Protein backbone atom coordinates (compact mmCIF):
# COMPACT_ATOMS: atom_id res chain seq x y z
CA UNK A 1 31.21 -62.02 -11.51
CA UNK A 2 27.44 -62.35 -12.03
CA UNK A 3 26.91 -60.31 -8.84
CA UNK A 4 29.09 -57.50 -10.21
CA UNK A 5 27.19 -57.46 -13.51
CA UNK A 6 23.92 -57.39 -11.55
CA UNK A 7 25.14 -54.37 -9.54
CA UNK A 8 26.20 -52.60 -12.72
CA UNK A 9 22.67 -53.10 -14.04
CA UNK A 10 20.78 -52.38 -10.79
CA UNK A 11 22.57 -49.19 -9.70
CA UNK A 12 21.54 -47.12 -12.78
CA UNK A 13 18.05 -48.65 -12.57
CA UNK A 14 17.68 -47.72 -8.90
CA UNK A 15 19.01 -44.24 -9.62
CA UNK A 16 16.49 -43.80 -12.43
CA UNK A 17 13.65 -45.00 -10.19
CA UNK A 18 14.76 -42.63 -7.42
CA UNK A 19 14.98 -39.73 -9.86
CA UNK A 20 11.53 -40.53 -11.28
CA UNK A 21 10.00 -40.71 -7.79
CA UNK A 22 11.60 -37.37 -6.94
CA UNK A 23 10.15 -35.79 -10.09
CA UNK A 24 6.71 -37.23 -9.32
CA UNK A 25 6.90 -35.84 -5.79
CA UNK A 26 7.85 -32.37 -7.07
CA UNK A 27 5.05 -32.55 -9.65
CA UNK A 28 2.56 -33.48 -6.94
CA UNK A 29 3.74 -30.65 -4.68
CA UNK A 30 3.54 -28.11 -7.51
CA UNK A 31 -0.26 -28.18 -7.44
CA UNK A 32 -1.82 -25.01 -6.09
CA UNK A 33 -5.50 -24.92 -5.18
CA UNK A 34 -7.57 -22.07 -3.80
CA UNK A 35 -9.93 -23.06 -1.03
CA UNK A 36 -11.54 -19.64 -0.55
CA UNK A 37 -11.06 -15.88 -0.78
CA UNK A 38 -12.57 -13.07 1.27
CA UNK A 39 -12.89 -9.47 0.06
CA UNK A 40 -13.05 -6.51 2.41
CA UNK A 41 -16.10 -4.44 3.21
CA UNK A 42 -15.93 -2.03 6.19
CA UNK A 43 -18.02 -2.85 9.25
CA UNK A 44 -18.83 0.88 9.45
CA UNK A 45 -19.61 1.06 5.74
CA UNK A 46 -22.05 3.97 5.87
CA UNK A 47 -19.55 6.22 7.67
CA UNK A 48 -16.76 5.31 5.26
CA UNK A 49 -18.55 5.92 1.95
CA UNK A 50 -16.97 8.37 -0.46
CA UNK A 51 -19.97 9.79 -2.26
CA UNK A 52 -19.74 12.82 -4.54
CA UNK A 53 -20.18 15.37 -1.77
CA UNK A 54 -17.54 13.73 0.46
CA UNK A 55 -15.03 13.59 -2.39
CA UNK A 56 -15.51 17.24 -3.30
CA UNK A 57 -15.16 18.31 0.35
CA UNK A 58 -11.87 16.39 0.63
CA UNK A 59 -10.57 17.98 -2.56
CA UNK A 60 -11.52 21.48 -1.43
CA UNK A 61 -9.68 20.99 1.87
CA UNK A 62 -6.39 21.11 -0.04
CA UNK A 63 -5.66 24.85 -0.07
CA UNK A 64 -2.53 24.26 -2.18
CA UNK A 65 -4.69 23.75 -5.25
CA UNK A 66 -5.54 26.47 -7.74
CA UNK A 67 -8.52 26.68 -10.03
CA UNK A 68 -6.78 24.67 -12.74
CA UNK A 69 -6.03 21.82 -10.32
CA UNK A 70 -9.59 21.81 -8.96
CA UNK A 71 -10.94 21.65 -12.49
CA UNK A 72 -8.57 18.79 -13.33
CA UNK A 73 -9.60 16.76 -10.28
CA UNK A 74 -13.31 17.19 -10.88
CA UNK A 75 -12.87 16.29 -14.55
CA UNK A 76 -10.98 13.14 -13.52
CA UNK A 77 -13.71 12.15 -11.07
CA UNK A 78 -16.38 12.68 -13.72
CA UNK A 79 -14.61 10.31 -16.12
CA UNK A 80 -13.41 7.74 -13.57
CA UNK A 81 -16.34 5.31 -13.60
CA UNK A 82 -16.55 5.23 -9.78
CA UNK A 83 -19.93 5.23 -8.05
CA UNK A 84 -21.00 6.71 -4.73
CA UNK A 85 -20.58 3.64 -2.51
CA UNK A 86 -16.81 3.20 -2.54
CA UNK A 87 -14.89 3.44 0.75
CA UNK A 88 -12.03 5.53 2.11
CA UNK A 89 -9.79 5.32 5.21
CA UNK A 90 -11.07 6.90 8.42
CA UNK A 91 -8.13 9.30 8.55
CA UNK A 92 -9.13 10.78 5.17
CA UNK A 93 -12.86 10.86 5.92
CA UNK A 94 -12.17 12.61 9.25
CA UNK A 95 -9.79 15.17 7.74
CA UNK A 96 -6.39 13.98 9.02
CA UNK A 97 -4.79 13.44 5.60
CA UNK A 98 -2.14 16.14 6.12
CA UNK A 99 -0.85 14.71 9.40
CA UNK A 100 -1.53 10.96 9.49
CA UNK A 101 -0.33 9.14 12.59
CA UNK A 102 1.23 5.70 12.91
CA UNK A 103 -1.90 4.66 14.78
CA UNK A 104 -4.03 5.69 11.78
CA UNK A 105 -1.79 3.77 9.41
CA UNK A 106 -1.84 0.56 11.45
CA UNK A 107 -5.56 0.84 12.15
CA UNK A 108 -6.27 1.06 8.42
CA UNK A 109 -4.36 -2.16 7.80
CA UNK A 110 -5.84 -3.92 10.83
CA UNK A 111 -9.38 -3.24 9.59
CA UNK A 112 -8.71 -4.87 6.24
CA UNK A 113 -6.48 -7.72 7.43
CA UNK A 114 -8.53 -8.90 10.37
CA UNK A 115 -11.92 -8.50 8.70
CA UNK A 116 -10.90 -10.61 5.70
CA UNK A 117 -8.93 -13.16 7.69
CA UNK A 118 -11.70 -13.69 10.24
CA UNK A 119 -14.09 -14.30 7.36
CA UNK A 120 -11.65 -16.65 5.66
CA UNK A 121 -11.14 -18.79 8.76
CA UNK A 122 -14.91 -18.98 9.33
CA UNK A 123 -15.59 -19.91 5.72
CA UNK A 124 -12.94 -22.65 5.45
CA UNK A 125 -13.07 -23.88 9.08
CA UNK A 126 -9.27 -24.08 8.92
CA UNK A 127 -7.77 -22.52 12.08
CA UNK A 128 -4.75 -20.16 12.09
CA UNK A 129 -2.64 -22.90 13.69
CA UNK A 130 -2.80 -24.88 10.42
CA UNK A 131 -1.30 -22.12 8.26
CA UNK A 132 2.23 -22.91 7.08
CA UNK A 133 2.96 -19.91 4.82
CA UNK A 134 1.85 -16.28 5.08
CA UNK A 135 2.48 -13.68 2.35
CA UNK A 136 1.39 -10.06 2.84
CA UNK A 137 1.62 -7.46 0.08
CA UNK A 138 1.12 -3.76 0.82
CA UNK A 139 3.17 -1.51 -1.45
CA UNK A 140 3.29 1.82 0.38
CA UNK A 141 3.52 0.90 4.08
CA UNK A 142 6.22 -1.28 5.62
CA UNK A 143 6.41 -0.85 9.43
CA UNK A 144 8.55 -2.74 11.90
CA UNK A 145 7.61 -5.28 13.17
CA UNK A 146 6.32 -6.29 9.77
CA UNK A 147 2.67 -6.49 8.80
CA UNK A 148 2.95 -10.28 8.55
CA UNK A 149 4.29 -10.35 12.12
CA UNK A 150 1.27 -8.31 13.17
CA UNK A 151 -0.99 -11.01 11.75
CA UNK A 152 1.03 -13.81 13.37
CA UNK A 153 0.73 -12.04 16.72
CA UNK A 154 -3.02 -11.44 16.39
CA UNK A 155 -3.83 -15.07 15.54
CA UNK A 156 -1.06 -16.72 17.63
CA UNK A 157 0.23 -18.63 14.63
CA UNK A 158 2.87 -21.35 14.88
CA UNK A 159 6.53 -20.60 15.47
CA UNK A 160 7.64 -22.41 12.30
CA UNK A 161 5.37 -20.46 9.94
CA UNK A 162 7.11 -19.03 6.86
CA UNK A 163 6.27 -15.31 6.52
CA UNK A 164 6.97 -12.89 3.67
CA UNK A 165 6.33 -9.17 3.12
CA UNK A 166 6.10 -7.77 -0.40
CA UNK A 167 6.22 -4.00 -0.94
CA UNK A 168 6.60 -1.51 -3.78
CA UNK A 169 4.88 -3.69 -6.39
CA UNK A 170 1.69 -1.66 -6.78
CA UNK A 171 -1.49 -3.18 -8.13
CA UNK A 172 0.36 -6.30 -9.28
CA UNK A 173 1.35 -7.43 -5.78
CA UNK A 174 -1.47 -9.95 -5.43
CA UNK A 175 -0.39 -12.09 -8.40
CA UNK A 176 3.26 -11.76 -7.38
CA UNK A 177 2.31 -13.20 -3.98
CA UNK A 178 0.43 -16.09 -5.60
CA UNK A 179 3.45 -16.84 -7.81
CA UNK A 180 5.62 -16.91 -4.67
CA UNK A 181 3.26 -19.35 -2.94
CA UNK A 182 3.20 -21.64 -5.96
CA UNK A 183 7.00 -21.78 -5.96
CA UNK A 184 7.13 -22.39 -2.20
CA UNK A 185 4.71 -25.28 -2.60
CA UNK A 186 7.32 -27.08 -4.70
CA UNK A 187 9.54 -27.17 -1.61
CA UNK A 188 6.97 -27.40 1.19
CA UNK A 189 4.58 -30.28 0.61
CA UNK A 190 1.23 -30.75 2.33
CA UNK A 191 0.99 -27.05 3.24
CA UNK A 192 -1.59 -24.29 3.61
CA UNK A 193 -0.78 -20.72 2.60
CA UNK A 194 -2.52 -17.40 3.08
CA UNK A 195 -2.06 -14.37 0.84
CA UNK A 196 -3.23 -10.97 2.11
CA UNK A 197 -3.40 -8.17 -0.49
CA UNK A 198 -4.22 -4.54 0.19
CA UNK A 199 -2.89 -0.99 -0.04
CA UNK A 200 -2.20 1.78 2.47
CA UNK A 201 -4.01 4.97 1.40
CA UNK A 202 -4.22 7.16 4.50
CA UNK A 203 -0.52 7.95 5.09
CA UNK A 204 0.14 8.24 1.36
CA UNK A 205 -2.45 10.87 0.52
CA UNK A 206 -0.90 13.58 -1.64
CA UNK A 207 -1.50 17.14 -0.37
CA UNK A 208 0.37 18.98 -3.14
CA UNK A 209 -0.79 20.26 -6.53
CA UNK A 210 1.10 18.37 -9.27
CA UNK A 211 -1.51 16.87 -11.59
CA UNK A 212 0.22 13.51 -12.19
CA UNK A 213 0.37 13.04 -8.40
CA UNK A 214 -3.09 14.23 -7.36
CA UNK A 215 -4.54 11.81 -9.89
CA UNK A 216 -4.08 8.89 -7.47
CA UNK A 217 -6.19 10.67 -4.84
CA UNK A 218 -9.20 10.52 -7.19
CA UNK A 219 -8.87 6.89 -8.22
CA UNK A 220 -7.84 4.70 -5.26
CA UNK A 221 -10.22 3.37 -2.61
CA UNK A 222 -10.03 1.20 0.52
CA UNK A 223 -10.19 -2.51 -0.14
CA UNK A 224 -8.31 -5.76 -0.04
CA UNK A 225 -8.59 -9.53 -0.04
CA UNK A 226 -7.28 -12.59 1.79
CA UNK A 227 -6.92 -15.96 0.05
CA UNK A 228 -6.30 -19.47 1.35
CA UNK A 229 -4.22 -21.70 -0.95
CA UNK A 230 -3.15 -25.30 -0.45
CA UNK A 231 -1.26 -28.20 -2.00
CA UNK A 232 -2.66 -30.76 0.45
CA UNK A 233 -4.14 -33.74 -1.43
CA UNK A 234 -6.64 -34.21 1.41
CA UNK A 235 -8.12 -30.75 0.74
CA UNK A 236 -8.24 -31.02 -3.05
CA UNK A 237 -11.95 -31.85 -3.09
CA UNK A 238 -12.77 -28.67 -1.15
CA UNK A 239 -11.03 -26.35 -3.63
CA UNK A 240 -12.85 -23.81 -5.76
CA UNK A 241 -10.01 -22.96 -8.19
CA UNK A 242 -6.86 -24.62 -9.47
CA UNK A 243 -3.90 -22.50 -10.56
CA UNK A 244 -2.82 -23.49 -14.07
CA UNK A 245 -0.01 -21.01 -14.76
CA UNK A 246 1.53 -17.68 -13.77
CA UNK A 247 3.48 -15.46 -16.17
CA UNK A 248 5.41 -12.42 -14.96
CA UNK A 249 6.94 -9.76 -17.20
CA UNK A 250 9.24 -7.05 -15.85
CA UNK A 251 10.26 -4.02 -17.94
CA UNK A 252 12.29 -2.23 -15.26
CA UNK A 253 15.40 -2.20 -17.46
CA UNK A 254 13.70 0.49 -19.55
CA UNK A 255 13.94 3.97 -18.03
CA UNK A 256 10.63 4.93 -19.64
CA UNK A 257 8.90 1.97 -18.01
CA UNK A 258 10.64 2.34 -14.65
CA UNK A 259 9.78 6.04 -14.32
CA UNK A 260 6.12 5.94 -15.41
CA UNK A 261 4.89 4.96 -11.94
CA UNK A 262 6.93 6.41 -9.05
CA UNK A 263 6.57 7.42 -5.43
CA UNK A 264 8.37 10.78 -5.22
CA UNK A 265 8.37 14.19 -3.55
CA UNK A 266 7.31 17.29 -5.44
CA UNK A 267 9.28 20.55 -5.43
CA UNK A 268 7.70 21.52 -2.09
CA UNK A 269 8.60 18.25 -0.36
CA UNK A 270 5.07 16.79 -0.57
CA UNK A 271 5.27 13.02 -1.08
CA UNK A 272 2.96 11.30 -3.49
CA UNK A 273 2.57 8.78 -6.28
CA UNK A 274 3.29 10.06 -9.78
CA UNK A 275 1.57 8.49 -12.81
CA UNK A 276 2.99 9.85 -16.07
CA UNK A 277 1.30 10.08 -19.48
CA UNK A 278 3.61 7.35 -20.77
CA UNK A 279 2.01 4.71 -18.56
CA UNK A 280 -0.57 3.67 -21.19
CA UNK A 281 2.15 3.03 -23.79
CA UNK A 282 4.33 1.17 -21.29
CA UNK A 283 1.41 -0.96 -20.08
CA UNK A 284 0.46 -1.91 -23.66
CA UNK A 285 3.99 -3.14 -24.40
CA UNK A 286 4.20 -5.04 -21.13
CA UNK A 287 0.83 -6.70 -21.76
CA UNK A 288 1.83 -7.73 -25.28
CA UNK A 289 5.06 -9.34 -24.02
CA UNK A 290 3.20 -11.04 -21.18
CA UNK A 291 0.41 -12.55 -23.24
CA UNK A 292 2.78 -13.80 -25.93
CA UNK A 293 4.18 -16.19 -23.31
CA UNK A 294 0.82 -17.13 -21.79
CA UNK A 295 -1.10 -17.92 -24.98
CA UNK A 296 1.23 -20.82 -25.75
CA UNK A 297 -0.04 -22.52 -22.60
CA UNK A 298 -3.76 -21.82 -22.78
CA UNK A 299 -4.80 -21.70 -26.44
CA UNK A 300 -5.50 -24.77 -28.60
CA UNK A 301 -3.00 -25.63 -31.34
CA UNK A 302 -5.30 -24.56 -34.18
CA UNK A 303 -5.58 -21.06 -32.69
CA UNK A 304 -1.81 -20.77 -32.28
CA UNK A 305 -1.27 -21.80 -35.92
CA UNK A 306 -3.80 -19.19 -37.04
CA UNK A 307 -2.11 -16.52 -34.90
CA UNK A 308 1.33 -17.30 -36.36
CA UNK A 309 -0.08 -17.18 -39.88
CA UNK A 310 -1.79 -13.83 -39.17
CA UNK A 311 1.45 -12.38 -37.71
CA UNK A 312 3.45 -13.48 -40.76
CA UNK A 313 0.81 -11.93 -43.03
CA UNK A 314 1.03 -8.62 -41.14
CA UNK A 315 4.83 -8.64 -41.44
CA UNK A 316 4.68 -9.39 -45.16
CA UNK A 317 2.33 -6.43 -45.65
CA UNK A 318 4.50 -4.28 -43.35
CA UNK A 319 1.50 -3.71 -41.14
CA UNK A 320 1.72 -1.13 -38.38
CA UNK A 321 -0.74 -2.98 -36.14
CA UNK A 322 0.84 -3.28 -32.65
CA UNK A 323 1.06 -6.84 -31.36
CA UNK A 324 -1.14 -6.03 -28.34
CA UNK A 325 -3.97 -4.97 -30.68
CA UNK A 326 -4.01 -8.06 -32.88
CA UNK A 327 -6.81 -9.60 -30.84
CA UNK A 328 -9.12 -6.76 -31.76
CA UNK A 329 -8.13 -6.99 -35.42
CA UNK A 330 -8.61 -10.74 -35.77
CA UNK A 331 -5.10 -11.98 -35.02
CA UNK A 332 -5.63 -13.68 -31.67
CA UNK A 333 -8.81 -15.09 -30.20
CA UNK A 334 -8.18 -15.44 -26.46
CA UNK A 335 -11.69 -16.77 -25.98
CA UNK A 336 -10.63 -19.99 -27.69
CA UNK A 337 -8.90 -20.93 -24.42
CA UNK A 338 -10.26 -18.48 -21.83
CA UNK A 339 -13.85 -18.16 -20.59
CA UNK A 340 -13.62 -15.21 -18.19
CA UNK A 341 -11.37 -12.15 -17.94
CA UNK A 342 -10.41 -10.46 -14.66
CA UNK A 343 -9.19 -7.05 -15.82
CA UNK A 344 -7.90 -4.59 -13.16
CA UNK A 345 -10.64 -2.11 -12.13
CA UNK A 346 -8.51 1.00 -12.47
CA UNK A 347 -10.55 3.57 -14.42
CA UNK A 348 -12.85 3.60 -17.43
CA UNK A 349 -10.23 4.70 -19.96
CA UNK A 350 -7.88 1.85 -19.00
CA UNK A 351 -10.68 -0.72 -19.03
CA UNK A 352 -11.77 0.41 -22.48
CA UNK A 353 -8.20 0.19 -23.77
CA UNK A 354 -7.59 -3.31 -22.43
CA UNK A 355 -10.99 -4.46 -23.65
CA UNK A 356 -10.27 -3.20 -27.16
CA UNK A 357 -6.79 -4.68 -27.21
CA UNK A 358 -7.99 -8.13 -26.12
CA UNK A 359 -11.13 -8.15 -28.26
CA UNK A 360 -13.52 -8.28 -25.29
CA UNK A 361 -17.20 -7.38 -25.51
CA UNK A 362 -19.41 -5.63 -22.95
CA UNK A 363 -20.43 -8.95 -21.37
CA UNK A 364 -16.76 -9.73 -20.72
CA UNK A 365 -16.14 -6.26 -19.26
CA UNK A 366 -19.29 -6.07 -17.15
CA UNK A 367 -17.65 -7.56 -14.00
CA UNK A 368 -14.77 -5.08 -14.01
CA UNK A 369 -17.00 -2.09 -14.74
CA UNK A 370 -19.34 -3.06 -11.89
CA UNK A 371 -16.45 -3.69 -9.48
CA UNK A 372 -15.05 -0.25 -10.30
CA UNK A 373 -18.44 1.38 -9.86
CA UNK A 374 -19.24 -0.34 -6.54
CA UNK A 375 -15.85 -0.70 -4.79
CA UNK A 376 -13.50 1.50 -6.84
CA UNK A 377 -9.84 0.93 -7.65
CA UNK A 378 -8.61 -1.04 -4.65
CA UNK A 379 -5.11 -1.62 -6.05
CA UNK A 380 -3.85 -5.21 -5.61
CA UNK A 381 -7.18 -6.30 -4.13
CA UNK A 382 -9.19 -5.18 -7.15
CA UNK A 383 -9.10 -8.40 -9.17
CA UNK A 384 -10.85 -10.30 -6.39
CA UNK A 385 -13.85 -7.98 -6.37
CA UNK A 386 -14.13 -8.66 -10.12
CA UNK A 387 -13.93 -12.41 -9.48
CA UNK A 388 -16.49 -12.05 -6.70
CA UNK A 389 -18.92 -10.41 -9.11
CA UNK A 390 -18.55 -13.30 -11.55
CA UNK A 391 -19.22 -15.80 -8.78
CA UNK A 392 -22.19 -13.87 -7.37
CA UNK A 393 -23.71 -13.80 -10.87
CA UNK A 394 -23.19 -17.59 -11.14
CA UNK A 395 -21.00 -17.25 -14.23
CA UNK A 396 -18.24 -19.59 -12.99
CA UNK A 397 -18.88 -23.20 -13.99
CA UNK A 398 -16.75 -26.30 -13.54
CA UNK A 399 -13.97 -26.47 -16.13
CA UNK A 400 -14.05 -22.74 -17.00
CA UNK A 401 -10.74 -20.92 -17.39
CA UNK A 402 -10.19 -17.48 -15.85
CA UNK A 403 -7.45 -15.10 -16.99
CA UNK A 404 -6.33 -12.52 -14.41
CA UNK A 405 -4.22 -9.57 -15.59
CA UNK A 406 -2.45 -7.08 -13.34
CA UNK A 407 -0.07 -4.15 -13.77
CA UNK A 408 2.33 -2.78 -11.19
CA UNK A 409 5.14 -0.35 -10.50
CA UNK A 410 8.52 -1.45 -11.73
CA UNK A 411 7.11 -1.60 -14.44
CA UNK A 412 5.59 -5.04 -14.63
CA UNK A 413 2.65 -6.95 -16.04
CA UNK A 414 1.62 -10.27 -14.53
CA UNK A 415 -1.13 -12.71 -15.37
CA UNK A 416 -2.35 -16.06 -14.18
CA UNK A 417 -4.88 -18.63 -15.34
CA UNK A 418 -7.24 -20.44 -12.96
CA UNK A 419 -9.45 -23.43 -13.67
CA UNK A 420 -12.81 -23.56 -11.91
CA UNK A 421 -13.04 -27.00 -10.26
CA UNK A 422 -16.72 -26.83 -9.31
CA UNK A 423 -19.72 -24.60 -10.00
CA UNK A 424 -19.49 -21.45 -7.85
CA UNK A 425 -22.41 -19.39 -6.58
CA UNK A 426 -21.33 -17.65 -3.34
CA UNK A 427 -22.56 -14.03 -3.37
CA UNK A 428 -19.66 -13.10 -1.07
CA UNK A 429 -19.01 -9.38 -0.59
CA UNK A 430 -21.65 -8.61 -3.25
CA UNK A 431 -24.54 -10.31 -1.43
CA UNK A 432 -26.30 -7.11 -0.32
CA UNK A 433 -26.26 -5.42 -3.72
CA UNK A 434 -25.75 -8.00 -6.47
CA UNK A 435 -29.46 -7.97 -7.42
CA UNK A 436 -29.07 -4.31 -8.41
CA UNK A 437 -26.19 -5.00 -10.82
CA UNK A 438 -25.80 -4.25 -13.58
CA UNK A 439 -28.13 -1.26 -13.31
CA UNK A 440 -30.26 -0.51 -16.36
CA UNK A 441 -28.63 2.89 -16.65
CA UNK A 442 -25.20 3.42 -15.12
CA UNK A 443 -25.49 7.08 -14.18
CA UNK A 444 -22.21 8.73 -13.26
CA UNK A 445 -23.04 10.69 -10.09
CA UNK A 446 -20.08 13.01 -10.60
CA UNK A 447 -21.35 14.04 -14.02
CA UNK A 448 -24.87 14.49 -12.69
CA UNK A 449 -23.85 16.62 -9.70
CA UNK A 450 -20.64 18.35 -10.72
CA UNK A 451 -20.38 18.21 -14.50
CA UNK A 452 -21.64 21.80 -14.68
CA UNK A 453 -18.97 23.28 -12.40
CA UNK A 454 -17.16 26.30 -13.80
CA UNK A 455 -14.35 28.60 -12.74
CA UNK A 456 -16.75 31.03 -11.07
CA UNK A 457 -18.04 28.30 -8.76
CA UNK A 458 -14.56 26.97 -8.01
CA UNK A 459 -13.34 30.46 -7.17
CA UNK A 460 -16.28 30.91 -4.79
CA UNK A 461 -15.86 27.59 -2.89
CA UNK A 462 -12.08 27.90 -2.69
CA UNK A 463 -12.16 31.22 -0.93
CA UNK A 464 -15.41 30.67 0.96
């Protein structure tokens, strides 16, 4: 009888111990550390630069454009915030944008993938054979075999590697990939993962004349980044960043949000990427929803109480202040829990809007403005050039929190928070130019060289 009573007592106890051990194991596996990241810079950088003259020549090659479209493109370039040292694909530089080949498309991806991955393996001294998970995100190019298979083949990776290809997610693909890795780490313990983020520009160049579609031609540039993540306890001391949280917000159920960023064909069958005027409104709503979930995790209690009180006050006064602008009006101080802000380097107008909405000053926005000026809008790889600037300037100190924000087609807004686990000072992809940034006077070369252009000039060069 005593033995039966003992079993009745021990079985629940053993079950509870087993359940607790299982929870502890899952908690341990949920850690996600970044060992290193490597941004792309072309080996033939001088030949790939898109300075003002190169950009204008490319624009003028499109004989489908009229004077109004030329004027629109030049005006966009003048206001973009891009400098003269950004890079473009070889197929565009060499004038093959109207008839890109599969070889051109694959070569563009190979340049970015293999340059960043070679650098990553050298930097970490972790060989390709020790990679357990590979996630590749390129929105506008999905060949068969897949791009991840192309990487596996190049580096002769193991047969049991878990590979994933993400497409159609736009500039937000990088953080989506990191979220996927973090979730996989909960299942696969003691693993290394690589995320490769880039975009395919060459085969997706728009050769028509619709303004919302030719806009992308002005803004996007070649770039990308590869990152090595791990949940191995043995590698914890080598990490540079620790992932604290990822929040993803998807507004695809709204037609307005879904249709503001689309890959479509125009009335003449020319395929391109359409960005509508509603995108700013959609992005603001998505950001507001996204941050409302994130602030609960990163801000101290006193700041959350103040924010709730401010929101209730606004409601009682029937204030028309949008929730995404409360930071700028005193409702939410993100700096109470965040030290650095990685804002997407899209274009000046967007950067200004996000900065105002989040209450950021020029010091906070300097990294994104400089990344845009030097490397341009590199889609899903852009955030890592911003992070690289912060590191090269020795801003990132142990214990600092970094908020990364990204927007993507769908429409979605994603963000993540990293904790710096040791002081960082690698000059990375910025090493050859960081001493020149920020320049005393950021002169827009497009304004300086082409701000004077009028219809008479455009008419002359078009028919020359």
